[in-house]
Amino acid sequence: MMNKIDYTETVKLIQKMAGTSAFVYATVTAFQKDNRTIKAEIQPSGIETGWCRCLQGAFADKVGLEVLLGRIADGKTQNYIVLGILE
């Protein structure tokens, strides 16, 4: 579990590395079939997301698949939604 200072610094780093675009490319690093969520490594920064919800039809159930994520800024936190699987 991260403390508040580490969390704040991580969010700042994600914001800096992600840039201003609302869309990012990522590679699936983990998935949960029961609630249809994934974790992904943002490219090219290598930062891993938390658990991401998926749009209908965008659930990626294989590690290594490339996906397009939509970034949602909620105050100082960053959440991602999987928009689709890249082929």
C-alpha atoms as a PDB file:
ATOM      1  CA  MET A   1       0.000   0.000   0.000  1.00  0.00           C
ATOM      2  CA  MET A   2       1.360   3.434  -0.993  1.00  0.00           C
ATOM      3  CA  ASN A   3       1.533   6.297   1.453  1.00  0.00           C
ATOM      4  CA  LYS A   4       0.013   9.644   0.475  1.00  0.00           C
ATOM      5  CA  ILE A   5       3.343  11.274  -0.514  1.00  0.00           C
ATOM      6  CA  ASP A   6       4.367   8.349  -2.752  1.00  0.00           C
ATOM      7  CA  TYR A   7       0.899   8.315  -4.314  1.00  0.00           C
ATOM      8  CA  THR A   8       0.990  12.055  -5.041  1.00  0.00           C
ATOM      9  CA  GLU A   9       4.452  11.771  -6.603  1.00  0.00           C
ATOM     10  CA  THR A  10       3.326   8.820  -8.727  1.00  0.00           C
ATOM     11  CA  VAL A  11       0.313  10.791 -10.000  1.00  0.00           C
ATOM     12  CA  LYS A  12       2.595  13.719 -10.889  1.00  0.00           C
ATOM     13  CA  LEU A  13       4.924  11.372 -12.769  1.00  0.00           C
ATOM     14  CA  ILE A  14       2.001   9.803 -14.655  1.00  0.00           C
ATOM     15  CA  GLN A  15       0.727  13.250 -15.621  1.00  0.00           C
ATOM     16  CA  LYS A  16       4.170  14.282 -16.834  1.00  0.00           C
ATOM     17  CA  MET A  17       4.771  11.068 -18.788  1.00  0.00           C
ATOM     18  CA  ALA A  18       1.256  10.824 -20.222  1.00  0.00           C
ATOM     19  CA  GLY A  19       1.316  14.346 -21.661  1.00  0.00           C
ATOM     20  CA  THR A  20      -1.838  16.189 -22.546  1.00  0.00           C
ATOM     21  CA  SER A  21      -3.504  13.650 -24.818  1.00  0.00           C
ATOM     22  CA  ALA A  22      -6.629  11.967 -23.511  1.00  0.00           C
ATOM     23  CA  PHE A  23      -5.632   8.766 -25.360  1.00  0.00           C
ATOM     24  CA  VAL A  24      -2.674   6.472 -24.693  1.00  0.00           C
ATOM     25  CA  TYR A  25      -1.381   3.191 -26.081  1.00  0.00           C
ATOM     26  CA  ALA A  26      -0.773   0.407 -23.589  1.00  0.00           C
ATOM     27  CA  THR A  27       0.031  -3.301 -23.304  1.00  0.00           C
ATOM     28  CA  VAL A  28      -2.074  -5.589 -21.100  1.00  0.00           C
ATOM     29  CA  THR A  29      -0.150  -6.846 -18.052  1.00  0.00           C
ATOM     30  CA  ALA A  30      -3.006  -8.517 -16.112  1.00  0.00           C
ATOM     31  CA  PHE A  31      -6.719  -9.172 -16.404  1.00  0.00           C
ATOM     32  CA  GLN A  32      -9.604 -10.302 -14.204  1.00  0.00           C
ATOM     33  CA  LYS A  33     -12.323 -12.253 -15.978  1.00  0.00           C
ATOM     34  CA  ASP A  34     -14.788 -12.063 -13.086  1.00  0.00           C
ATOM     35  CA  ASN A  35     -15.217  -8.274 -13.271  1.00  0.00           C
ATOM     36  CA  ARG A  36     -13.783  -7.775 -16.791  1.00  0.00           C
ATOM     37  CA  THR A  37     -11.012  -5.345 -15.835  1.00  0.00           C
ATOM     38  CA  ILE A  38      -7.385  -5.116 -16.942  1.00  0.00           C
ATOM     39  CA  LYS A  39      -4.089  -3.564 -15.881  1.00  0.00           C
ATOM     40  CA  ALA A  40      -1.871  -2.208 -18.621  1.00  0.00           C
ATOM     41  CA  GLU A  41       1.615  -0.738 -19.113  1.00  0.00           C
ATOM     42  CA  ILE A  42       1.428   2.675 -20.748  1.00  0.00           C
ATOM     43  CA  GLN A  43       3.740   3.089 -23.736  1.00  0.00           C
ATOM     44  CA  PRO A  44       6.412   4.394 -23.940  1.00  0.00           C
ATOM     45  CA  SER A  45       6.660   5.396 -20.246  1.00  0.00           C
ATOM     46  CA  GLY A  46       6.327   1.861 -18.848  1.00  0.00           C
ATOM     47  CA  ILE A  47       4.014   3.010 -16.035  1.00  0.00           C
ATOM     48  CA  GLU A  48       1.394   0.432 -15.061  1.00  0.00           C
ATOM     49  CA  THR A  49      -2.200   1.531 -14.600  1.00  0.00           C
ATOM     50  CA  GLY A  50      -4.518   0.433 -11.846  1.00  0.00           C
ATOM     51  CA  TRP A  51      -7.470  -1.795 -12.720  1.00  0.00           C
ATOM     52  CA  CYS A  52      -9.247  -0.378 -15.789  1.00  0.00           C
ATOM     53  CA  ARG A  53     -12.840  -0.892 -16.779  1.00  0.00           C
ATOM     54  CA  CYS A  54     -13.502  -1.769 -20.417  1.00  0.00           C
ATOM     55  CA  LEU A  55     -16.027  -0.527 -22.927  1.00  0.00           C
ATOM     56  CA  GLN A  56     -18.338  -3.262 -24.169  1.00  0.00           C
ATOM     57  CA  GLY A  57     -16.389  -5.459 -26.585  1.00  0.00           C
ATOM     58  CA  ALA A  58     -12.992  -4.078 -25.473  1.00  0.00           C
ATOM     59  CA  PHE A  59     -12.103  -6.605 -22.754  1.00  0.00           C
ATOM     60  CA  ALA A  60      -8.588  -7.940 -23.445  1.00  0.00           C
ATOM     61  CA  ASP A  61      -8.078 -11.381 -21.901  1.00  0.00           C
ATOM     62  CA  LYS A  62      -4.471 -11.989 -22.942  1.00  0.00           C
ATOM     63  CA  VAL A  63      -1.298 -10.504 -21.460  1.00  0.00           C
ATOM     64  CA  GLY A  64       0.640  -8.660 -24.145  1.00  0.00           C
ATOM     65  CA  LEU A  65      -2.319  -7.416 -26.212  1.00  0.00           C
ATOM     66  CA  GLU A  66      -2.102  -3.786 -27.239  1.00  0.00           C
ATOM     67  CA  VAL A  67      -5.010  -1.567 -26.241  1.00  0.00           C
ATOM     68  CA  LEU A  68      -6.079   2.034 -26.604  1.00  0.00           C
ATOM     69  CA  LEU A  69      -6.921   3.706 -23.305  1.00  0.00           C
ATOM     70  CA  GLY A  70      -8.898   6.852 -22.658  1.00  0.00           C
ATOM     71  CA  ARG A  71      -7.525   8.924 -19.781  1.00  0.00           C
ATOM     72  CA  ILE A  72      -9.999  10.536 -17.424  1.00  0.00           C
ATOM     73  CA  ALA A  73      -8.653  13.221 -15.093  1.00  0.00           C
ATOM     74  CA  ASP A  74     -10.503  13.302 -11.798  1.00  0.00           C
ATOM     75  CA  GLY A  75      -8.844  15.994  -9.752  1.00  0.00           C
ATOM     76  CA  LYS A  76      -5.312  14.809  -9.060  1.00  0.00           C
ATOM     77  CA  THR A  77      -5.981  11.187  -9.974  1.00  0.00           C
ATOM     78  CA  GLN A  78      -5.846   9.519 -13.375  1.00  0.00           C
ATOM     79  CA  ASN A  79      -8.266   6.783 -14.348  1.00  0.00           C
ATOM     80  CA  TYR A  80      -8.244   4.874 -17.610  1.00  0.00           C
ATOM     81  CA  ILE A  81     -10.945   3.132 -19.602  1.00  0.00           C
ATOM     82  CA  VAL A  82     -10.101   0.557 -22.262  1.00  0.00           C
ATOM     83  CA  LEU A  83     -11.559   1.847 -25.527  1.00  0.00           C
ATOM     84  CA  GLY A  84     -10.480  -0.985 -27.772  1.00  0.00           C
ATOM     85  CA  ILE A  85      -8.004  -3.696 -28.672  1.00  0.00           C
ATOM     86  CA  LEU A  86      -5.415  -2.793 -31.317  1.00  0.00           C
ATOM     87  CA  GLU A  87      -4.712  -5.272 -34.080  1.00  0.00           C
END
